[in-house]
N, C-alpha and C. Protein backbone atom coordinates (compact mmCIF):
# COMPACT_ATOMS: atom_id res chain seq x y z
N UNK A 1 -9.06 15.17 -2.49
CA UNK A 1 -10.67 14.80 -2.87
C UNK A 1 -11.51 14.22 -2.52
N UNK A 2 -13.13 14.84 -2.55
CA UNK A 2 -13.81 14.43 -1.50
C UNK A 2 -14.24 13.48 -2.71
N UNK A 3 -14.20 12.05 -2.07
CA UNK A 3 -15.02 10.87 -2.82
C UNK A 3 -15.65 9.85 -1.93
N UNK A 4 -16.71 9.02 -1.90
CA UNK A 4 -16.69 8.24 -1.80
C UNK A 4 -16.28 6.75 -1.60
N UNK A 5 -15.80 5.87 -0.98
CA UNK A 5 -15.37 5.28 -1.40
C UNK A 5 -15.68 3.63 -1.48
N UNK A 6 -15.67 3.17 -3.02
CA UNK A 6 -16.20 2.01 -3.59
C UNK A 6 -16.89 0.75 -2.49
N UNK A 7 -18.49 0.52 -2.19
CA UNK A 7 -18.39 0.31 -1.33
C UNK A 7 -18.44 -0.46 0.83
N UNK A 8 -18.03 1.01 0.65
CA UNK A 8 -17.99 1.86 2.01
C UNK A 8 -17.98 2.96 2.01
N UNK A 9 -18.92 2.42 3.57
CA UNK A 9 -20.03 4.56 3.36
C UNK A 9 -19.18 5.31 4.25
N UNK A 10 -17.71 5.92 3.41
CA UNK A 10 -16.86 6.72 4.00
C UNK A 10 -16.64 8.03 3.09
N UNK A 11 -16.91 8.93 3.87
CA UNK A 11 -17.08 10.19 2.71
C UNK A 11 -15.91 10.79 2.91
N UNK A 12 -15.26 11.56 2.15
CA UNK A 12 -14.03 12.00 1.99
C UNK A 12 -12.99 11.08 2.83
N UNK A 13 -12.16 9.55 2.83
CA UNK A 13 -11.88 9.62 3.94
C UNK A 13 -10.31 10.21 4.22
N UNK A 14 -9.79 11.18 3.23
CA UNK A 14 -8.31 12.30 3.57
C UNK A 14 -9.08 12.63 4.21
N UNK A 15 -10.21 13.06 4.73
CA UNK A 15 -10.32 14.00 6.28
C UNK A 15 -10.11 13.11 7.05
N UNK A 16 -10.66 11.89 7.36
CA UNK A 16 -10.79 11.45 8.17
C UNK A 16 -9.27 10.90 8.03
N UNK A 17 -8.81 10.60 7.39
CA UNK A 17 -6.80 10.29 8.33
C UNK A 17 -6.77 11.62 8.81
N UNK A 18 -6.45 13.05 8.34
CA UNK A 18 -6.10 14.18 8.30
C UNK A 18 -6.56 14.34 9.49
N UNK A 19 -8.08 13.98 10.28
CA UNK A 19 -8.54 14.37 11.78
C UNK A 19 -7.46 13.38 12.10
N UNK A 20 -7.26 11.28 11.43
CA UNK A 20 -6.60 11.00 13.22
C UNK A 20 -4.85 12.05 13.02
N UNK A 21 -4.27 11.92 12.09
CA UNK A 21 -3.07 12.55 11.98
C UNK A 21 -2.94 13.40 12.81
N UNK A 22 -3.77 14.36 13.28
CA UNK A 22 -4.20 15.63 14.15
C UNK A 22 -4.50 15.41 15.69
N UNK A 23 -5.62 14.31 15.39
CA UNK A 23 -5.00 13.67 17.13
C UNK A 23 -4.13 13.50 17.38
N UNK A 24 -3.38 12.68 16.65
CA UNK A 24 -2.22 12.20 17.68
C UNK A 24 -0.89 13.06 17.47
N UNK A 25 -1.45 14.13 17.09
CA UNK A 25 -0.10 14.53 17.03
C UNK A 25 1.07 14.81 16.14
N UNK A 26 0.95 14.31 14.30
CA UNK A 26 1.51 13.76 14.16
C UNK A 26 1.11 14.23 12.29
N UNK A 27 0.67 15.56 12.17
CA UNK A 27 0.50 16.36 11.56
C UNK A 27 1.73 16.96 10.87
N UNK A 28 2.48 17.09 11.31
CA UNK A 28 4.37 16.85 10.88
C UNK A 28 5.19 16.34 10.48
N UNK A 29 4.90 15.34 10.96
CA UNK A 29 5.71 13.87 11.26
C UNK A 29 5.26 13.14 9.53
N UNK A 30 4.59 13.63 8.92
CA UNK A 30 4.16 13.27 8.21
C UNK A 30 3.13 13.42 6.26
N UNK A 31 3.54 13.62 5.12
CA UNK A 31 3.70 13.90 4.44
C UNK A 31 1.94 13.18 3.00
N UNK A 32 1.24 13.44 3.64
CA UNK A 32 0.03 12.93 2.29
C UNK A 32 -0.43 12.75 0.77
N UNK A 33 -0.09 11.44 0.27
CA UNK A 33 0.27 11.46 -1.05
C UNK A 33 -0.16 11.12 -2.32
N UNK A 34 -1.81 11.77 -2.48
CA UNK A 34 -2.72 10.98 -2.47
C UNK A 34 -2.83 10.61 -4.25
N UNK A 35 -3.15 10.27 -5.03
CA UNK A 35 -3.03 8.93 -5.92
C UNK A 35 -2.62 7.81 -6.74
N UNK A 36 -2.90 7.19 -7.51
CA UNK A 36 -2.70 5.62 -7.66
C UNK A 36 -1.06 5.23 -7.36
N UNK A 37 -1.22 3.88 -6.75
CA UNK A 37 0.42 3.87 -6.55
C UNK A 37 0.98 3.19 -7.85
N UNK A 38 0.03 2.76 -8.87
CA UNK A 38 0.85 2.44 -10.77
C UNK A 38 -0.64 3.68 -11.20
N UNK A 39 -1.10 2.49 -11.92
CA UNK A 39 -2.02 3.70 -13.36
C UNK A 39 -3.84 2.92 -12.56
N UNK A 40 -4.44 3.85 -12.69
CA UNK A 40 -5.38 4.04 -12.19
C UNK A 40 -6.49 2.82 -12.05
N UNK A 41 -7.18 2.63 -11.76
CA UNK A 41 -8.58 1.40 -11.71
C UNK A 41 -9.43 1.82 -11.26
N UNK A 42 -10.02 1.90 -10.17
CA UNK A 42 -10.67 2.24 -9.25
C UNK A 42 -11.35 2.37 -9.80
N UNK A 43 -11.44 3.70 -10.23
CA UNK A 43 -12.79 4.87 -10.55
C UNK A 43 -12.84 4.53 -11.66
N UNK A 44 -12.20 3.83 -12.90
CA UNK A 44 -12.91 3.73 -13.69
C UNK A 44 -14.08 2.51 -13.63
N UNK A 45 -14.40 1.24 -12.93
CA UNK A 45 -14.55 0.79 -12.78
C UNK A 45 -15.77 1.40 -12.30
N UNK A 46 -15.22 2.44 -11.53
CA UNK A 46 -17.34 2.80 -10.48
C UNK A 46 -17.91 4.30 -10.99
N UNK A 47 -16.65 4.70 -11.55
CA UNK A 47 -17.54 6.16 -12.09
C UNK A 47 -19.14 5.48 -12.91
N UNK A 48 -20.05 6.34 -12.88
CA UNK A 48 -21.68 6.21 -12.87
C UNK A 48 -21.49 7.00 -14.46
N UNK A 49 -21.26 8.44 -13.95
CA UNK A 49 -20.98 9.74 -14.74
C UNK A 49 -20.21 10.08 -14.88
N UNK A 50 -19.45 10.84 -15.98
CA UNK A 50 -18.31 11.75 -16.44
C UNK A 50 -18.00 12.95 -15.03
N UNK A 51 -18.82 12.94 -14.41
CA UNK A 51 -18.09 14.01 -13.06
C UNK A 51 -18.11 13.51 -12.44
N UNK A 52 -18.19 11.88 -11.68
CA UNK A 52 -18.51 10.34 -10.33
C UNK A 52 -16.47 10.48 -11.47
N UNK A 53 -16.55 10.40 -12.42
CA UNK A 53 -15.17 9.72 -13.29
C UNK A 53 -13.90 11.60 -12.97
N UNK A 54 -14.53 12.61 -13.35
CA UNK A 54 -14.43 13.46 -13.22
C UNK A 54 -13.26 13.53 -11.43
N UNK A 55 -14.12 13.12 -10.86
CA UNK A 55 -14.41 13.32 -9.34
C UNK A 55 -12.77 12.06 -8.52
N UNK A 56 -12.93 10.71 -9.67
CA UNK A 56 -11.46 10.20 -8.50
C UNK A 56 -10.33 9.92 -9.94
N UNK A 57 -10.47 11.54 -10.62
CA UNK A 57 -8.88 11.83 -11.14
C UNK A 57 -7.71 12.02 -9.50
N UNK A 58 -6.75 11.16 -9.89
CA UNK A 58 -5.51 11.62 -9.69
C UNK A 58 -4.32 11.58 -9.42
N UNK A 59 -3.04 11.70 -9.72
CA UNK A 59 -1.90 11.83 -10.43
C UNK A 59 -1.69 9.55 -9.96
N UNK A 60 -1.33 8.97 -11.58
CA UNK A 60 -0.37 8.14 -11.17
C UNK A 60 0.41 7.76 -11.30
N UNK A 61 0.85 6.19 -10.78
CA UNK A 61 2.17 5.46 -10.81
C UNK A 61 2.65 6.52 -9.35
N UNK A 62 1.93 7.10 -8.85
CA UNK A 62 2.77 7.73 -7.93
C UNK A 62 4.16 7.22 -6.81
N UNK A 63 4.25 5.48 -7.18
CA UNK A 63 5.55 4.84 -6.55
C UNK A 63 6.67 5.65 -7.34
N UNK A 64 6.89 5.84 -7.97
CA UNK A 64 7.73 5.67 -9.12
C UNK A 64 8.39 6.61 -8.76
N UNK A 65 7.42 8.11 -8.66
CA UNK A 65 7.34 9.20 -8.77
C UNK A 65 8.29 9.28 -6.78
N UNK A 66 7.43 8.48 -6.09
CA UNK A 66 7.98 8.60 -4.58
C UNK A 66 9.29 8.13 -4.63
N UNK A 67 9.87 6.92 -5.41
CA UNK A 67 11.39 6.78 -5.91
C UNK A 67 12.49 7.92 -6.08
N UNK A 68 11.57 8.51 -7.72
CA UNK A 68 13.07 9.49 -7.69
C UNK A 68 12.57 10.50 -6.77
N UNK A 69 12.27 10.87 -5.93
CA UNK A 69 12.18 12.06 -4.82
C UNK A 69 12.66 11.32 -3.26
N UNK A 70 12.42 9.95 -2.91
CA UNK A 70 13.09 9.66 -2.22
C UNK A 70 14.10 8.62 -2.29
N UNK A 71 13.95 7.51 -3.10
CA UNK A 71 14.69 6.81 -2.97
C UNK A 71 13.84 5.15 -2.13
N UNK A 72 15.40 4.48 -1.05
CA UNK A 72 14.60 3.93 -0.28
C UNK A 72 15.13 4.37 1.13
N UNK A 73 14.11 4.75 1.27
CA UNK A 73 13.30 5.84 2.85
C UNK A 73 12.71 4.72 3.49
N UNK A 74 11.87 3.94 3.28
CA UNK A 74 10.21 3.58 4.11
C UNK A 74 10.38 2.73 4.63
N UNK A 75 10.02 2.99 5.47
CA UNK A 75 9.88 1.98 7.07
C UNK A 75 9.35 0.93 7.19
N UNK A 76 7.72 1.78 6.58
CA UNK A 76 6.64 0.73 6.93
C UNK A 76 6.03 0.98 5.74
N UNK A 77 5.13 -0.15 4.51
CA UNK A 77 4.88 -0.33 3.67
C UNK A 77 2.96 -0.69 4.24
N UNK A 78 1.55 -0.07 4.05
CA UNK A 78 0.00 -0.68 3.76
C UNK A 78 -0.18 -1.20 1.92
N UNK A 79 -0.37 -2.34 2.42
CA UNK A 79 -0.38 -2.43 0.36
C UNK A 79 -1.99 -2.49 0.85
N UNK A 80 -3.01 -2.31 1.07
CA UNK A 80 -4.52 -2.37 0.76
C UNK A 80 -4.48 -1.78 -0.80
N UNK A 81 -5.72 -2.58 -1.36
CA UNK A 81 -6.85 -2.20 -2.03
C UNK A 81 -6.64 -2.54 -3.04
N UNK A 82 -6.19 -2.54 -4.19
CA UNK A 82 -6.53 -3.78 -5.68
C UNK A 82 -6.23 -5.05 -4.93
N UNK A 83 -6.94 -6.42 -5.40
CA UNK A 83 -6.74 -7.46 -5.54
C UNK A 83 -6.77 -7.95 -6.27
N UNK A 84 -6.14 -7.92 -6.94
CA UNK A 84 -5.96 -8.54 -8.31
C UNK A 84 -4.89 -9.22 -8.70
N UNK A 85 -4.22 -10.27 -9.00
CA UNK A 85 -2.97 -11.19 -8.66
C UNK A 85 -1.42 -9.50 -9.24
N UNK A 86 -1.86 -9.71 -10.33
CA UNK A 86 -1.50 -9.18 -10.93
C UNK A 86 -0.79 -7.23 -10.75
N UNK A 87 -1.54 -6.65 -9.89
CA UNK A 87 -1.99 -6.04 -9.85
C UNK A 87 -1.01 -5.10 -8.70
N UNK A 88 -1.75 -6.61 -7.58
CA UNK A 88 -0.56 -6.20 -6.55
C UNK A 88 0.88 -7.03 -6.84
N UNK A 89 0.84 -8.23 -7.24
CA UNK A 89 2.62 -8.06 -7.54
C UNK A 89 3.12 -6.66 -8.39
N UNK A 90 2.63 -5.94 -9.55
CA UNK A 90 3.44 -5.01 -9.57
C UNK A 90 3.38 -4.07 -8.61
N UNK A 91 2.60 -4.02 -8.10
CA UNK A 91 2.15 -3.29 -6.64
C UNK A 91 3.94 -3.56 -5.47
N UNK A 92 3.97 -4.82 -5.68
CA UNK A 92 5.14 -4.69 -4.56
C UNK A 92 6.38 -4.62 -5.15
N UNK A 93 6.42 -5.11 -6.54
CA UNK A 93 7.95 -5.23 -7.34
C UNK A 93 8.31 -4.01 -7.27
N UNK A 94 6.80 -2.58 -7.83
CA UNK A 94 7.35 -0.80 -7.07
C UNK A 94 7.73 -0.57 -5.17
N UNK A 95 7.14 -1.06 -5.54
CA UNK A 95 7.37 -0.99 -3.65
C UNK A 95 8.80 -1.28 -3.23
N UNK A 96 9.35 -2.51 -3.33
CA UNK A 96 10.30 -3.51 -2.83
C UNK A 96 11.65 -1.68 -3.11
N UNK A 97 11.77 -1.12 -4.48
CA UNK A 97 12.13 -0.33 -4.32
C UNK A 97 12.33 1.04 -3.50
N UNK A 98 11.20 1.10 -2.70
CA UNK A 98 11.56 2.40 -1.70
C UNK A 98 11.92 1.92 0.00
N UNK A 99 12.18 0.47 -0.19
CA UNK A 99 12.42 0.31 1.15
C UNK A 99 13.25 -0.25 1.63
N UNK A 100 13.91 0.61 2.85
CA UNK A 100 14.65 0.43 4.48
C UNK A 100 15.23 -0.47 4.14
N UNK A 101 16.27 -0.64 4.34
CA UNK A 101 16.70 -2.49 4.49
C UNK A 101 15.61 -2.47 7.07
N UNK A 102 15.06 -3.48 6.32
CA UNK A 102 14.37 -3.83 7.40
C UNK A 102 13.31 -3.38 7.43
N UNK A 103 12.35 -3.10 6.10
CA UNK A 103 11.26 -2.55 6.58
C UNK A 103 10.14 -3.47 6.94
N UNK A 104 9.38 -2.54 7.20
CA UNK A 104 8.17 -3.74 6.89
C UNK A 104 7.06 -3.57 5.89
N UNK A 105 6.63 -4.73 5.77
CA UNK A 105 5.64 -4.95 4.70
C UNK A 105 4.33 -5.08 5.04
N UNK A 106 3.45 -4.28 4.93
CA UNK A 106 2.12 -5.01 5.88
C UNK A 106 0.20 -5.81 4.89
N UNK A 107 0.70 -6.50 3.78
CA UNK A 107 -0.79 -6.96 2.95
C UNK A 107 -2.10 -6.83 3.66
N UNK A 108 -2.74 -6.17 3.22
CA UNK A 108 -4.66 -6.53 4.32
C UNK A 108 -4.81 -7.51 3.48
N UNK A 109 -5.99 -7.72 3.69
CA UNK A 109 -6.64 -9.38 2.69
C UNK A 109 -5.85 -10.39 2.06
N UNK A 110 -4.85 -10.33 3.66
CA UNK A 110 -4.65 -12.12 2.90
C UNK A 110 -4.88 -13.04 3.15
N UNK A 111 -6.19 -13.11 3.42
CA UNK A 111 -7.35 -14.45 3.50
C UNK A 111 -8.73 -14.76 2.40
N UNK A 112 -8.31 -13.16 2.14
CA UNK A 112 -10.11 -13.09 1.72
C UNK A 112 -10.11 -13.22 -0.11
N UNK A 113 -9.06 -13.07 -0.48
CA UNK A 113 -8.63 -12.62 -1.69
C UNK A 113 -7.96 -13.42 -2.98
N UNK A 114 -8.37 -14.27 -3.20
CA UNK A 114 -7.73 -15.44 -4.22
C UNK A 114 -5.92 -14.23 -4.65
N UNK A 115 -6.10 -13.31 -5.25
CA UNK A 115 -5.10 -12.12 -5.37
C UNK A 115 -4.35 -12.33 -4.59
N UNK A 116 -4.53 -11.93 -3.22
CA UNK A 116 -3.63 -11.15 -2.64
C UNK A 116 -3.53 -11.73 -1.58
N UNK A 117 -3.90 -13.22 -1.98
CA UNK A 117 -3.46 -15.06 -1.02
C UNK A 117 -1.75 -14.47 -1.40
N UNK A 118 -2.56 -14.91 -3.43
CA UNK A 118 -1.30 -15.96 -4.07
C UNK A 118 0.62 -14.31 -4.03
N UNK A 119 0.07 -13.56 -3.84
CA UNK A 119 1.11 -12.24 -4.05
C UNK A 119 1.46 -12.59 -2.60
N UNK A 120 0.69 -12.73 -1.39
CA UNK A 120 1.40 -13.04 -0.18
C UNK A 120 2.51 -13.99 0.47
N UNK A 121 2.20 -15.07 -0.16
CA UNK A 121 2.46 -16.58 -0.44
C UNK A 121 3.87 -16.71 -1.14
N UNK A 122 3.50 -15.26 -2.06
CA UNK A 122 5.09 -16.13 -3.63
C UNK A 122 5.84 -14.77 -2.09
N UNK A 123 5.30 -14.07 -1.53
CA UNK A 123 6.68 -13.32 -0.70
C UNK A 123 6.76 -14.24 0.58
N UNK A 124 6.16 -14.56 1.40
CA UNK A 124 6.82 -15.90 1.49
C UNK A 124 7.60 -16.91 1.40
N UNK A 125 7.18 -17.38 0.07
CA UNK A 125 7.99 -17.96 -0.14
C UNK A 125 9.47 -17.22 -0.74
N UNK A 126 9.79 -15.68 -0.64
CA UNK A 126 11.05 -15.48 -1.36
C UNK A 126 11.78 -15.17 -0.19
N UNK A 127 13.07 -14.88 -0.29
CA UNK A 127 13.99 -14.93 0.22
C UNK A 127 14.13 -13.73 0.87
N UNK A 128 13.91 -12.95 0.00
CA UNK A 128 14.43 -10.86 0.39
C UNK A 128 13.29 -10.74 0.94
N UNK A 129 12.26 -12.13 2.17
CA UNK A 129 11.62 -11.26 3.18
C UNK A 129 11.21 -12.35 3.91
N UNK A 130 10.78 -12.46 5.25
CA UNK A 130 11.12 -13.02 6.28
C UNK A 130 9.41 -12.84 7.41
N UNK A 131 8.79 -13.85 7.04
CA UNK A 131 7.24 -13.71 8.03
C UNK A 131 7.60 -12.44 9.15
N UNK A 132 6.58 -12.12 9.58
CA UNK A 132 6.25 -11.39 11.50
C UNK A 132 5.09 -11.91 11.28
N UNK A 133 4.10 -12.58 11.15
CA UNK A 133 3.38 -12.51 11.36
C UNK A 133 2.05 -12.65 10.56
N UNK A 134 0.42 -13.06 11.02
CA UNK A 134 -0.99 -13.34 9.80
C UNK A 134 -1.73 -13.36 11.06
N UNK A 135 -2.63 -12.97 11.02
CA UNK A 135 -3.72 -13.05 11.78
C UNK A 135 -5.66 -13.84 11.29
N UNK A 136 -5.44 -13.83 9.81
CA UNK A 136 -6.58 -13.85 8.91
C UNK A 136 -6.69 -12.55 8.67
N UNK A 137 -6.48 -11.15 8.36
CA UNK A 137 -7.17 -10.64 7.29
C UNK A 137 -5.56 -9.41 6.37
N UNK A 138 -4.47 -9.25 8.16
CA UNK A 138 -3.48 -8.70 7.35
C UNK A 138 -2.66 -9.86 7.97
N UNK A 139 -1.26 -9.72 6.39
CA UNK A 139 0.15 -10.39 7.09
C UNK A 139 1.07 -9.70 6.90
N UNK A 140 2.21 -9.27 7.55
CA UNK A 140 3.27 -8.47 8.31
C UNK A 140 4.80 -9.57 7.66
N UNK A 141 5.16 -8.49 6.38
CA UNK A 141 6.99 -9.45 6.34
C UNK A 141 8.19 -8.66 6.25
N UNK A 142 8.87 -8.79 6.74
CA UNK A 142 10.16 -7.98 6.69
C UNK A 142 10.72 -8.23 5.78
N UNK A 143 11.40 -7.23 5.18
CA UNK A 143 12.20 -7.12 4.20
C UNK A 143 13.78 -7.39 5.02
N UNK A 144 14.81 -8.54 4.95
CA UNK A 144 15.98 -8.52 4.90
C UNK A 144 17.00 -7.53 4.92
N UNK A 145 17.81 -7.89 5.98
CA UNK A 145 18.88 -6.63 5.67
C UNK A 145 19.78 -6.98 4.72
N UNK A 146 20.76 -6.01 3.68
CA UNK A 146 22.13 -6.97 3.30
C UNK A 146 22.53 -7.99 3.40
N UNK A 147 23.11 -8.42 5.08
CA UNK A 147 23.45 -9.73 5.86
C UNK A 147 21.88 -10.61 5.00
N UNK A 148 21.23 -10.70 4.76
CA UNK A 148 20.54 -11.58 4.40
C UNK A 148 19.70 -11.65 5.89
N UNK A 149 19.53 -11.18 6.63
CA UNK A 149 18.94 -11.33 7.75
C UNK A 149 17.68 -10.69 8.38
N UNK A 150 16.53 -10.62 8.71
CA UNK A 150 15.85 -9.91 9.89
C UNK A 150 16.20 -8.44 10.33
N UNK A 151 15.53 -8.17 11.07
CA UNK A 151 16.16 -7.90 12.06
C UNK A 151 15.83 -8.42 14.01
N UNK A 152 14.59 -9.31 12.73
CA UNK A 152 14.17 -10.05 14.07
C UNK A 152 14.92 -11.50 14.43
N UNK A 153 15.82 -11.64 13.48
CA UNK A 153 16.34 -13.17 13.08
C UNK A 153 17.82 -12.77 14.28
N UNK A 154 18.21 -12.63 14.33
CA UNK A 154 19.81 -11.79 15.20
C UNK A 154 19.62 -11.93 16.31
């Protein structure tokens, strides 16, 4: 899908991702699944014409699809995109069903957007997660294992 990321001068972000994977020899170890984690939101807000809207179309509810196909196999998830509190909270809830024991969840913009600040703070207070760190831009938590401890706590 060729698109310009709203607010940034990035032409065809998927091509950039593929180039990086190629550069680091990771093409065989990755699968790119373009789409919306939940329902489409950004394309509707940014489309000025019908052609813009059609160009932004992608599959929706990708997390639910990955859950049906893969189950709890993901060791790392990056939550970056929609900064609305209710959307991010629903996204985190959907991601939880995909995470392996001791998986890492990275939140982007943990100090810059009120909705993200709130959801990240809720995750830090949640006994299912343990904070690994935060640098003013990203925050990282680990999923506690079946015994209640994170890998770093043993």
